[in-house]
Structure formats: C-alpha cells, structure tokens
Amino acid sequence: MRRTAAWSLVLLVAACSSSGSGTATPTPTSGIAGVVLTTGLSHKHVTKRVDYPTHPPVGGPHWPPRAFDVYGWMACAVYTEPVVDEFAVHSLEHGAVWVTYQPSLPAAGVAQLQQLAGIRPDYVLVSPYPGQTSPVEVTAWGAQLAVTDPTDVRLAQFTRTYAGGGQGGELGADCAHGSTVAQAQAALAKATG
C-alpha cells in the first residue's frame, strides 16, 4: 500500500513538472447556462507576474510546483484578502474552483459565497478580487461563470461540477496544502525584485 502511495506521489509531481511541455488537458464541458469555456491554455511554469487576458484568469502560465521555498499553488481556503493570480491559477490546474467577488459585495453576500467552500473544502478558494467586472465569478481551469447575485444556484452547481475535477489536467493533485497569501507574495517579490 505504501509503495502505491509513494508511486502516486512521484507520478503527480512528474505530471506537474512536465506540464509546461504541452500536456493535453481535458476540455471542460458544462451544461450550466452562462459558463464561458476557454481552451488551449498554457501549462508553462514561470517565476514572474503574468499578464492574463482575463481577470480573474481561467488558466495559463503559473508558478512552478516549488520555487523560492514555497508551494506553487494557493492553499484552498476562504481568504478575506486577494490571493496571488499566478498561484491561484496553479490551484485551478490542480482542480480547484476559485470563487471571487468584488470587495464592495455586502457581508451577507460574502458569507453566502464562503459557504460554497463547504461543497469540497480541499478544492475551493474564495477571495475578493478587486477590479473584476461582475460582482461574483466562479472559475475552474478553462471555465468561468459571472453572476450578479451571490445566491444564484448556478454557483453551487458550478462548484459541484468542477471542484476536484480533472479539467486542469492534474486530477487528484493537492490543493489543501499550498501556500498562504503571505508566502505567495514573498516568493513573487523575491523572484521579481
């Protein structure tokens, strides 16, 4: 049993390490009204800021699995401050759903969104996202839904559909034990400073 677990870990690390080489990613599918799907996203690892075409990003270049002494993905959790895009995108690759909201969203709406983390705690990030155009967005690798109402039933449907899924190409990869906001910010500052 231990040998199988160890080999699984080795294969997982190898998959993430090689993802910059053009590894095929399953195409996300959705029967949820309003979901926008994006294909052809890069899995390249970078240690710099990325100018993503969408905010929040739906995938693309992201922080490597381990650089500057931190894990390259955000720990899936509920955050009260913005997270680092390059780390959150790596979480998306691992199968996370990223729930974002405008910082001006009323507290009751934020509380409603925080409940979505309970659907699959190890694979859901919740954070404010300054500058996003819609009050609420849910994002998975290659899939995004923007809504105006934090009680919209499609938010939970999207989270159930994608959280922990293989749409990022790394089904079963860890999302629970990634970096904190402070760790991600410090690593990015070291890399770009």
Protein backbone atom coordinates (compact mmCIF):
# COMPACT_ATOMS: atom_id res chain seq x y z
CA MET A 1 0.00 0.00 0.00
CA ARG A 2 2.78 2.46 0.89
CA ARG A 3 4.60 1.71 -2.35
CA THR A 4 1.45 2.55 -4.33
CA ALA A 5 1.01 5.86 -2.46
CA ALA A 6 4.66 6.75 -2.99
CA TRP A 7 4.46 5.98 -6.71
CA SER A 8 1.27 8.03 -6.98
CA LEU A 9 3.07 10.99 -5.41
CA VAL A 10 6.02 10.59 -7.80
CA LEU A 11 3.67 10.45 -10.78
CA LEU A 12 1.78 13.51 -9.55
CA VAL A 13 4.96 15.56 -9.14
CA ALA A 14 6.23 14.36 -12.53
CA ALA A 15 2.95 15.33 -14.20
CA CYS A 16 3.02 18.82 -12.72
CA SER A 17 6.71 19.23 -13.50
CA SER A 18 6.20 18.28 -17.12
CA SER A 19 3.02 20.23 -17.70
CA GLY A 20 4.87 23.02 -19.46
CA SER A 21 5.67 20.65 -22.30
CA GLY A 22 2.26 20.75 -23.92
CA THR A 23 0.48 18.08 -21.89
CA ALA A 24 -3.06 17.61 -23.17
CA THR A 25 -5.72 19.00 -20.87
CA PRO A 26 -9.25 17.62 -20.86
CA THR A 27 -11.65 20.09 -22.42
CA PRO A 28 -14.05 21.34 -19.78
CA THR A 29 -17.70 20.83 -20.53
CA SER A 30 -20.69 22.43 -18.96
CA GLY A 31 -24.42 22.17 -19.05
CA ILE A 32 -24.64 25.27 -16.86
CA ALA A 33 -26.16 28.35 -18.50
CA GLY A 34 -23.73 31.25 -18.86
CA VAL A 35 -20.47 29.33 -18.43
CA VAL A 36 -17.76 30.55 -20.78
CA LEU A 37 -15.27 27.85 -21.83
CA THR A 38 -11.67 28.55 -22.88
CA THR A 39 -9.34 26.02 -24.49
CA GLY A 40 -5.67 25.98 -25.48
CA LEU A 41 -4.39 27.35 -22.16
CA SER A 42 -0.65 27.08 -21.50
CA HIS A 43 0.66 24.99 -18.61
CA LYS A 44 4.04 26.76 -18.63
CA HIS A 45 5.72 27.35 -15.27
CA VAL A 46 7.03 30.87 -14.63
CA THR A 47 8.51 32.78 -11.69
CA LYS A 48 7.21 36.21 -12.62
CA ARG A 49 3.97 38.15 -12.88
CA VAL A 50 1.75 37.10 -15.75
CA ASP A 51 -0.40 39.50 -17.77
CA TYR A 52 -3.51 37.33 -18.02
CA PRO A 53 -6.12 38.17 -20.67
CA THR A 54 -8.98 37.77 -18.17
CA HIS A 55 -9.35 38.82 -14.54
CA PRO A 56 -9.68 36.57 -12.71
CA PRO A 57 -7.68 34.29 -15.03
CA VAL A 58 -9.10 30.93 -16.18
CA GLY A 59 -5.71 29.23 -16.63
CA GLY A 60 -2.40 29.73 -18.35
CA PRO A 61 1.21 30.15 -17.20
CA HIS A 62 1.60 29.86 -13.45
CA TRP A 63 4.06 29.41 -10.59
CA PRO A 64 6.07 26.14 -10.61
CA PRO A 65 5.33 23.37 -8.10
CA ARG A 66 8.18 24.50 -5.84
CA ALA A 67 10.24 27.69 -6.17
CA PHE A 68 11.66 30.17 -3.65
CA ASP A 69 10.87 27.66 -0.87
CA VAL A 70 7.09 27.71 -1.31
CA TYR A 71 4.49 25.51 -2.91
CA GLY A 72 3.40 26.97 -6.23
CA TRP A 73 -0.34 26.87 -5.62
CA MET A 74 -2.66 28.61 -3.16
CA ALA A 75 -3.95 26.51 -0.30
CA CYS A 76 -7.65 26.05 -0.93
CA ALA A 77 -9.38 28.06 1.77
CA VAL A 78 -11.55 31.11 2.40
CA TYR A 79 -9.50 34.31 2.19
CA THR A 80 -10.51 37.83 3.22
CA GLU A 81 -7.78 39.40 1.08
CA PRO A 82 -6.91 38.97 -2.60
CA VAL A 83 -4.74 35.97 -3.47
CA VAL A 84 -1.86 35.86 -5.97
CA ASP A 85 -3.11 35.10 -9.50
CA GLU A 86 -0.09 33.01 -10.55
CA PHE A 87 -0.57 30.74 -7.53
CA ALA A 88 -4.36 30.59 -7.84
CA VAL A 89 -4.02 29.54 -11.49
CA HIS A 90 -1.82 26.65 -10.36
CA SER A 91 -4.62 25.69 -7.94
CA LEU A 92 -7.02 25.71 -10.90
CA GLU A 93 -4.69 23.32 -12.70
CA HIS A 94 -4.98 21.01 -9.68
CA GLY A 95 -8.78 21.02 -9.97
CA ALA A 96 -9.74 23.94 -7.73
CA VAL A 97 -12.75 26.20 -8.16
CA TRP A 98 -11.93 29.83 -7.39
CA VAL A 99 -14.88 31.89 -6.12
CA THR A 100 -14.17 35.61 -6.41
CA TYR A 101 -16.19 38.69 -5.57
CA GLN A 102 -15.92 42.43 -5.76
CA PRO A 103 -14.64 43.81 -2.44
CA SER A 104 -17.74 46.03 -2.21
CA LEU A 105 -20.07 42.99 -2.05
CA PRO A 106 -22.19 43.23 1.14
CA ALA A 107 -21.18 40.98 4.05
CA ALA A 108 -24.28 38.78 3.67
CA GLY A 109 -23.29 38.04 0.06
CA VAL A 110 -19.71 37.25 1.06
CA ALA A 111 -21.00 34.86 3.74
CA GLN A 112 -23.16 33.15 1.11
CA LEU A 113 -20.10 32.65 -1.13
CA GLN A 114 -17.97 31.37 1.75
CA GLN A 115 -20.49 28.55 2.20
CA LEU A 116 -19.52 27.25 -1.26
CA ALA A 117 -16.18 26.15 0.23
CA GLY A 118 -18.11 23.53 2.21
CA ILE A 119 -19.03 21.71 -1.00
CA ARG A 120 -15.46 20.45 -1.46
CA PRO A 121 -13.16 22.23 1.07
CA ASP A 122 -9.91 20.80 -0.33
CA TYR A 123 -10.70 22.17 -3.80
CA VAL A 124 -12.35 25.58 -3.32
CA LEU A 125 -10.71 29.01 -2.97
CA VAL A 126 -12.83 32.02 -2.00
CA SER A 127 -11.36 35.52 -2.17
CA PRO A 128 -12.13 39.14 -3.02
CA TYR A 129 -10.89 40.23 -6.46
CA PRO A 130 -10.52 43.99 -6.91
CA GLY A 131 -11.36 45.20 -10.39
CA GLN A 132 -13.39 42.24 -11.62
CA THR A 133 -16.31 43.39 -13.73
CA SER A 134 -19.03 41.16 -12.28
CA PRO A 135 -20.00 41.13 -8.59
CA VAL A 136 -19.34 37.36 -8.39
CA GLU A 137 -17.40 34.91 -10.55
CA VAL A 138 -16.58 31.23 -10.24
CA THR A 139 -13.63 29.89 -12.16
CA ALA A 140 -12.18 26.46 -12.92
CA TRP A 141 -9.39 25.70 -15.39
CA GLY A 142 -10.88 26.73 -18.73
CA ALA A 143 -14.36 27.54 -17.38
CA GLN A 144 -15.86 30.67 -15.84
CA LEU A 145 -19.28 31.92 -14.81
CA ALA A 146 -20.04 35.55 -13.93
CA VAL A 147 -23.19 36.40 -11.96
CA THR A 148 -24.64 39.39 -10.15
CA ASP A 149 -26.35 37.57 -7.27
CA PRO A 150 -24.34 35.58 -4.67
CA THR A 151 -27.40 33.36 -4.11
CA ASP A 152 -27.53 32.28 -7.78
CA VAL A 153 -27.99 28.49 -7.74
CA ARG A 154 -25.54 28.11 -10.64
CA LEU A 155 -22.65 28.96 -8.29
CA ALA A 156 -23.17 25.77 -6.29
CA GLN A 157 -23.84 23.80 -9.46
CA PHE A 158 -20.55 25.03 -10.98
CA THR A 159 -18.65 24.24 -7.77
CA ARG A 160 -20.07 20.70 -7.60
CA THR A 161 -19.30 20.15 -11.29
CA TYR A 162 -15.68 21.30 -11.29
CA ALA A 163 -14.19 21.19 -7.75
CA GLY A 164 -11.67 18.36 -7.64
CA GLY A 165 -12.12 17.67 -11.35
CA GLY A 166 -9.53 16.88 -13.97
CA GLN A 167 -10.19 19.86 -16.25
CA GLY A 168 -6.76 21.29 -15.39
CA GLY A 169 -5.02 18.08 -16.33
CA GLU A 170 -3.97 17.12 -12.80
CA LEU A 171 -6.84 15.15 -11.30
CA GLY A 172 -6.16 14.36 -7.64
CA ALA A 173 -3.37 16.90 -7.18
CA ASP A 174 -3.15 18.56 -3.76
CA CYS A 175 -4.92 21.87 -3.24
CA ALA A 176 -5.36 21.79 0.53
CA HIS A 177 -1.70 22.27 1.47
CA GLY A 178 -0.47 25.06 -0.78
CA SER A 179 0.95 28.48 0.01
CA THR A 180 -0.64 31.23 2.05
CA VAL A 181 -1.11 34.73 0.65
CA ALA A 182 1.95 35.98 2.56
CA GLN A 183 4.12 33.12 1.26
CA ALA A 184 2.99 33.64 -2.34
CA GLN A 185 3.51 37.41 -2.15
CA ALA A 186 7.01 36.98 -0.65
CA ALA A 187 8.03 34.44 -3.32
CA LEU A 188 6.81 36.66 -6.12
CA ALA A 189 8.64 39.65 -4.61
CA LYS A 190 11.90 37.64 -4.43
CA ALA A 191 11.51 36.45 -8.00
CA THR A 192 10.71 39.85 -9.48
CA GLY A 193 12.66 42.05 -7.03
